[in-house]
């Protein structure tokens, strides 16, 4: 059900590799990966869900407001994460030469579509 939206995010982003919708416990709801994806997006999501929860706690302690977006840049991939609600997030991974700005835009635009279908 969500895979078509996740595919649009990946295919609409230059250098997009994979995308997923996941809950904060690390349980994937749906995902899409290009056939040549060099990693499992569900594993990345599960590991980053722990990091997101820590960032959310830190933001609350600092009274900075709700966490909306997180970007993690590594040597081989950049992953942009958008918090959808108190239980779910959506993420897209992009190659180092990809368009991270477009990835952020695609997540922002597609977030309401995903929320509507949840």
N, C-alpha and C. Protein backbone atom coordinates (compact mmCIF):
# COMPACT_ATOMS: atom_id res chain seq x y z
N UNK A 1 0.82 -1.20 0.00
CA UNK A 1 0.00 0.00 0.00
C UNK A 1 0.86 1.26 0.00
N UNK A 2 1.91 1.28 0.82
CA UNK A 2 2.77 2.45 0.93
C UNK A 2 3.93 2.40 -0.06
N UNK A 3 4.19 1.22 -0.62
CA UNK A 3 5.36 1.04 -1.45
C UNK A 3 5.38 1.95 -2.67
N UNK A 4 4.22 2.23 -3.25
CA UNK A 4 4.21 3.10 -4.43
C UNK A 4 4.68 4.51 -4.08
N UNK A 5 4.32 5.00 -2.91
CA UNK A 5 4.77 6.33 -2.47
C UNK A 5 6.27 6.31 -2.18
N UNK A 6 6.73 5.25 -1.52
CA UNK A 6 8.15 5.13 -1.22
C UNK A 6 8.97 5.04 -2.51
N UNK A 7 8.44 4.34 -3.51
CA UNK A 7 9.12 4.25 -4.80
C UNK A 7 9.20 5.62 -5.45
N UNK A 8 8.12 6.41 -5.37
CA UNK A 8 8.14 7.77 -5.93
C UNK A 8 9.24 8.61 -5.29
N UNK A 9 9.42 8.46 -3.97
CA UNK A 9 10.46 9.21 -3.27
C UNK A 9 11.84 8.84 -3.82
N UNK A 10 12.11 7.54 -3.95
CA UNK A 10 13.41 7.09 -4.43
C UNK A 10 13.62 7.48 -5.89
N UNK A 11 12.65 7.17 -6.73
CA UNK A 11 12.79 7.44 -8.16
C UNK A 11 12.78 8.94 -8.47
N UNK A 12 12.17 9.74 -7.61
CA UNK A 12 12.12 11.18 -7.81
C UNK A 12 13.32 11.92 -7.25
N UNK A 13 14.26 11.19 -6.67
CA UNK A 13 15.46 11.78 -6.07
C UNK A 13 16.69 11.31 -6.83
N UNK A 14 17.44 12.24 -7.38
CA UNK A 14 18.68 11.88 -8.06
C UNK A 14 19.62 11.20 -7.06
N UNK A 15 20.04 9.99 -7.37
CA UNK A 15 20.91 9.24 -6.48
C UNK A 15 20.16 8.46 -5.41
N UNK A 16 18.83 8.46 -5.45
CA UNK A 16 18.05 7.72 -4.46
C UNK A 16 18.32 6.23 -4.56
N UNK A 17 18.42 5.58 -3.40
CA UNK A 17 18.72 4.15 -3.35
C UNK A 17 17.53 3.36 -2.80
N UNK A 18 17.00 3.82 -1.67
CA UNK A 18 15.95 3.06 -0.99
C UNK A 18 15.19 3.98 -0.04
N UNK A 19 13.98 3.55 0.32
CA UNK A 19 13.15 4.32 1.24
C UNK A 19 12.34 3.35 2.09
N UNK A 20 11.95 3.78 3.28
CA UNK A 20 11.12 2.94 4.11
C UNK A 20 10.23 3.73 5.04
N UNK A 21 9.15 3.08 5.43
CA UNK A 21 8.24 3.58 6.45
C UNK A 21 8.37 2.61 7.61
N UNK A 22 8.65 3.13 8.80
CA UNK A 22 8.95 2.28 9.95
C UNK A 22 8.40 2.88 11.22
N UNK A 23 8.12 2.03 12.21
CA UNK A 23 7.74 2.57 13.51
C UNK A 23 8.99 2.73 14.37
N UNK A 24 8.86 3.43 15.48
CA UNK A 24 10.01 3.76 16.31
C UNK A 24 10.55 2.56 17.07
N UNK A 25 9.88 1.42 17.01
CA UNK A 25 10.38 0.20 17.64
C UNK A 25 11.26 -0.57 16.67
N UNK A 26 11.42 -0.05 15.44
CA UNK A 26 12.26 -0.71 14.45
C UNK A 26 11.53 -1.74 13.61
N UNK A 27 10.20 -1.71 13.63
CA UNK A 27 9.41 -2.64 12.84
C UNK A 27 9.02 -1.97 11.53
N UNK A 28 9.47 -2.54 10.39
CA UNK A 28 9.15 -1.92 9.10
C UNK A 28 7.67 -2.08 8.74
N UNK A 29 7.08 -1.01 8.22
CA UNK A 29 5.72 -1.05 7.71
C UNK A 29 5.76 -1.40 6.23
N UNK A 30 6.64 -0.73 5.49
CA UNK A 30 6.82 -1.01 4.06
C UNK A 30 8.13 -0.38 3.62
N UNK A 31 8.64 -0.84 2.48
CA UNK A 31 9.90 -0.30 1.98
C UNK A 31 9.98 -0.49 0.47
N UNK A 32 10.93 0.24 -0.11
CA UNK A 32 11.23 0.09 -1.53
C UNK A 32 12.74 0.30 -1.69
N UNK A 33 13.37 -0.60 -2.43
CA UNK A 33 14.79 -0.49 -2.73
C UNK A 33 15.01 -0.71 -4.22
N UNK A 34 15.94 0.03 -4.78
CA UNK A 34 16.34 -0.24 -6.16
C UNK A 34 17.04 -1.60 -6.18
N UNK A 35 16.98 -2.30 -7.30
CA UNK A 35 17.60 -3.63 -7.37
C UNK A 35 19.10 -3.65 -7.04
N UNK A 36 19.79 -2.56 -7.33
CA UNK A 36 21.23 -2.52 -7.06
C UNK A 36 21.59 -1.88 -5.72
N UNK A 37 20.62 -1.78 -4.81
CA UNK A 37 20.89 -1.17 -3.50
C UNK A 37 21.99 -1.97 -2.78
N UNK A 38 23.03 -1.28 -2.29
CA UNK A 38 24.16 -1.97 -1.67
C UNK A 38 23.94 -2.40 -0.22
N UNK A 39 22.72 -2.21 0.31
CA UNK A 39 22.45 -2.55 1.70
C UNK A 39 20.96 -2.81 1.88
N UNK A 40 20.61 -3.31 3.05
CA UNK A 40 19.21 -3.57 3.38
C UNK A 40 18.64 -2.35 4.12
N UNK A 41 17.69 -1.68 3.52
CA UNK A 41 17.11 -0.47 4.10
C UNK A 41 16.42 -0.76 5.43
N UNK A 42 15.87 -1.95 5.60
CA UNK A 42 15.20 -2.28 6.86
C UNK A 42 16.20 -2.35 8.02
N UNK A 43 17.40 -2.84 7.76
CA UNK A 43 18.43 -2.89 8.79
C UNK A 43 18.86 -1.48 9.17
N UNK A 44 19.04 -0.63 8.17
CA UNK A 44 19.40 0.77 8.44
C UNK A 44 18.31 1.44 9.28
N UNK A 45 17.06 1.24 8.89
CA UNK A 45 15.95 1.84 9.64
C UNK A 45 15.88 1.37 11.07
N UNK A 46 16.08 0.08 11.28
CA UNK A 46 16.02 -0.46 12.64
C UNK A 46 17.13 0.13 13.51
N UNK A 47 18.33 0.27 12.96
CA UNK A 47 19.43 0.85 13.72
C UNK A 47 19.20 2.33 13.99
N UNK A 48 18.73 3.06 12.98
CA UNK A 48 18.51 4.49 13.15
C UNK A 48 17.31 4.80 14.03
N UNK A 49 16.37 3.87 14.19
CA UNK A 49 15.22 4.13 15.06
C UNK A 49 15.68 4.38 16.50
N UNK A 50 16.73 3.70 16.91
CA UNK A 50 17.29 3.91 18.25
C UNK A 50 17.88 5.32 18.36
N UNK A 51 18.57 5.74 17.32
CA UNK A 51 19.18 7.07 17.29
C UNK A 51 18.10 8.16 17.32
N UNK A 52 17.04 7.95 16.55
CA UNK A 52 15.95 8.93 16.48
C UNK A 52 15.32 9.12 17.85
N UNK A 53 15.08 8.02 18.55
CA UNK A 53 14.47 8.13 19.89
C UNK A 53 15.37 8.92 20.83
N UNK A 54 16.68 8.72 20.73
CA UNK A 54 17.62 9.48 21.57
C UNK A 54 17.59 10.96 21.23
N UNK A 55 17.54 11.27 19.95
CA UNK A 55 17.47 12.67 19.52
C UNK A 55 16.17 13.31 19.99
N UNK A 56 15.08 12.58 19.91
CA UNK A 56 13.79 13.12 20.37
C UNK A 56 13.83 13.41 21.87
N UNK A 57 14.42 12.51 22.66
CA UNK A 57 14.53 12.74 24.11
C UNK A 57 15.39 13.96 24.40
N UNK A 58 16.51 14.10 23.67
CA UNK A 58 17.39 15.25 23.88
C UNK A 58 16.67 16.55 23.53
N UNK A 59 15.92 16.56 22.44
CA UNK A 59 15.18 17.77 22.05
C UNK A 59 14.14 18.14 23.10
N UNK A 60 13.49 17.14 23.67
CA UNK A 60 12.51 17.40 24.73
C UNK A 60 13.18 17.96 25.97
N UNK A 61 14.31 17.38 26.36
CA UNK A 61 15.02 17.85 27.54
C UNK A 61 15.49 19.29 27.37
N UNK A 62 15.86 19.65 26.16
CA UNK A 62 16.31 21.01 25.87
C UNK A 62 15.17 21.97 25.57
N UNK A 63 13.94 21.43 25.60
CA UNK A 63 12.74 22.20 25.28
C UNK A 63 12.87 22.85 23.91
N UNK A 64 13.42 22.08 22.96
CA UNK A 64 13.63 22.57 21.60
C UNK A 64 12.44 22.33 20.69
N UNK A 65 11.46 21.58 21.18
CA UNK A 65 10.30 21.25 20.35
C UNK A 65 10.41 19.86 19.76
N UNK A 66 9.41 19.49 19.00
CA UNK A 66 9.37 18.16 18.41
C UNK A 66 10.42 18.02 17.31
N UNK A 67 10.99 16.83 17.22
CA UNK A 67 11.94 16.52 16.15
C UNK A 67 11.16 16.35 14.85
N UNK A 68 11.60 17.01 13.80
CA UNK A 68 10.91 16.93 12.51
C UNK A 68 11.72 16.17 11.47
N UNK A 69 13.03 16.42 11.43
CA UNK A 69 13.85 15.82 10.37
C UNK A 69 15.27 15.62 10.87
N UNK A 70 15.87 14.53 10.41
CA UNK A 70 17.24 14.19 10.78
C UNK A 70 17.95 13.74 9.51
N UNK A 71 19.19 14.17 9.32
CA UNK A 71 20.00 13.69 8.21
C UNK A 71 21.29 13.12 8.76
N UNK A 72 21.64 11.92 8.29
CA UNK A 72 22.85 11.25 8.72
C UNK A 72 23.70 11.02 7.49
N UNK A 73 24.85 11.69 7.44
CA UNK A 73 25.73 11.58 6.29
C UNK A 73 26.91 10.70 6.64
N UNK A 74 27.08 9.63 5.88
CA UNK A 74 28.22 8.73 6.03
C UNK A 74 29.00 8.75 4.72
N UNK A 75 30.11 8.06 4.69
CA UNK A 75 30.95 8.08 3.50
C UNK A 75 30.25 7.50 2.27
N UNK A 76 29.43 6.47 2.47
CA UNK A 76 28.84 5.78 1.33
C UNK A 76 27.36 6.08 1.10
N UNK A 77 26.72 6.76 2.06
CA UNK A 77 25.29 7.01 1.92
C UNK A 77 24.87 8.13 2.87
N UNK A 78 23.90 8.92 2.43
CA UNK A 78 23.25 9.89 3.30
C UNK A 78 21.81 9.44 3.47
N UNK A 79 21.35 9.40 4.70
CA UNK A 79 19.97 9.00 4.99
C UNK A 79 19.24 10.18 5.61
N UNK A 80 18.13 10.55 5.00
CA UNK A 80 17.28 11.62 5.50
C UNK A 80 16.04 10.98 6.11
N UNK A 81 15.72 11.39 7.33
CA UNK A 81 14.61 10.81 8.08
C UNK A 81 13.62 11.91 8.42
N UNK A 82 12.35 11.67 8.17
CA UNK A 82 11.29 12.63 8.51
C UNK A 82 10.34 11.94 9.47
N UNK A 83 10.12 12.55 10.63
CA UNK A 83 9.19 12.03 11.62
C UNK A 83 7.77 12.34 11.14
N UNK A 84 6.93 11.31 11.08
CA UNK A 84 5.55 11.49 10.61
C UNK A 84 4.59 11.77 11.76
N UNK A 85 4.71 11.02 12.83
CA UNK A 85 3.86 11.17 14.00
C UNK A 85 4.58 10.58 15.20
N UNK A 86 3.87 10.37 16.29
CA UNK A 86 4.52 9.87 17.51
C UNK A 86 4.95 8.41 17.39
N UNK A 87 4.53 7.72 16.32
CA UNK A 87 4.85 6.29 16.20
C UNK A 87 5.65 5.92 14.96
N UNK A 88 5.69 6.77 13.93
CA UNK A 88 6.29 6.38 12.65
C UNK A 88 7.22 7.45 12.06
N UNK A 89 8.13 6.97 11.24
CA UNK A 89 8.99 7.85 10.47
C UNK A 89 9.17 7.28 9.07
N UNK A 90 9.57 8.14 8.15
CA UNK A 90 9.89 7.74 6.78
C UNK A 90 11.33 8.15 6.52
N UNK A 91 12.05 7.33 5.77
CA UNK A 91 13.45 7.62 5.50
C UNK A 91 13.78 7.32 4.04
N UNK A 92 14.76 8.03 3.53
CA UNK A 92 15.28 7.77 2.19
C UNK A 92 16.80 7.83 2.25
N UNK A 93 17.45 6.87 1.59
CA UNK A 93 18.90 6.84 1.51
C UNK A 93 19.34 7.24 0.10
N UNK A 94 20.40 8.04 0.05
CA UNK A 94 20.86 8.64 -1.20
C UNK A 94 22.37 8.40 -1.34
N UNK A 95 22.81 8.15 -2.54
CA UNK A 95 24.25 7.98 -2.82
C UNK A 95 24.98 9.29 -2.49
N UNK A 96 26.30 9.21 -2.25
CA UNK A 96 27.06 10.42 -1.90
C UNK A 96 26.96 11.55 -2.92
N UNK A 97 26.78 11.21 -4.19
CA UNK A 97 26.67 12.24 -5.23
C UNK A 97 25.22 12.60 -5.53
N UNK A 98 24.29 12.08 -4.72
CA UNK A 98 22.87 12.33 -4.93
C UNK A 98 22.42 13.69 -4.44
N UNK A 99 21.17 14.00 -4.69
CA UNK A 99 20.59 15.30 -4.36
C UNK A 99 19.84 15.20 -3.03
N UNK A 100 20.52 15.53 -1.95
CA UNK A 100 19.93 15.44 -0.61
C UNK A 100 18.80 16.44 -0.44
N UNK A 101 18.93 17.61 -1.03
CA UNK A 101 17.86 18.61 -0.97
C UNK A 101 16.58 18.09 -1.58
N UNK A 102 16.69 17.41 -2.70
CA UNK A 102 15.51 16.83 -3.35
C UNK A 102 14.93 15.71 -2.49
N UNK A 103 15.78 14.93 -1.83
CA UNK A 103 15.31 13.88 -0.93
C UNK A 103 14.49 14.48 0.20
N UNK A 104 14.98 15.56 0.77
CA UNK A 104 14.25 16.25 1.85
C UNK A 104 12.90 16.75 1.34
N UNK A 105 12.90 17.34 0.15
CA UNK A 105 11.67 17.85 -0.45
C UNK A 105 10.67 16.71 -0.69
N UNK A 106 11.14 15.62 -1.26
CA UNK A 106 10.24 14.49 -1.54
C UNK A 106 9.61 13.94 -0.26
N UNK A 107 10.39 13.84 0.80
CA UNK A 107 9.84 13.35 2.07
C UNK A 107 8.79 14.32 2.61
N UNK A 108 9.09 15.61 2.52
CA UNK A 108 8.15 16.63 3.03
C UNK A 108 6.84 16.59 2.25
N UNK A 109 6.92 16.44 0.94
CA UNK A 109 5.72 16.43 0.09
C UNK A 109 4.92 15.13 0.25
N UNK A 110 5.61 14.02 0.40
CA UNK A 110 4.93 12.72 0.46
C UNK A 110 4.47 12.35 1.88
N UNK A 111 4.96 13.03 2.90
CA UNK A 111 4.55 12.73 4.27
C UNK A 111 3.03 12.80 4.46
N UNK A 112 2.34 13.84 3.99
CA UNK A 112 0.88 13.88 4.16
C UNK A 112 0.16 12.72 3.45
N UNK A 113 0.69 12.28 2.32
CA UNK A 113 0.10 11.15 1.59
C UNK A 113 0.22 9.87 2.44
N UNK A 114 1.37 9.67 3.03
CA UNK A 114 1.57 8.49 3.87
C UNK A 114 0.67 8.55 5.10
N UNK A 115 0.61 9.71 5.73
CA UNK A 115 -0.24 9.87 6.92
C UNK A 115 -1.70 9.62 6.62
N UNK A 116 -2.15 10.06 5.45
CA UNK A 116 -3.56 9.88 5.07
C UNK A 116 -3.91 8.40 4.97
N UNK A 117 -2.97 7.60 4.49
CA UNK A 117 -3.21 6.18 4.29
C UNK A 117 -2.96 5.33 5.53
N UNK A 118 -2.47 5.92 6.60
CA UNK A 118 -2.18 5.14 7.82
C UNK A 118 -3.43 4.90 8.65
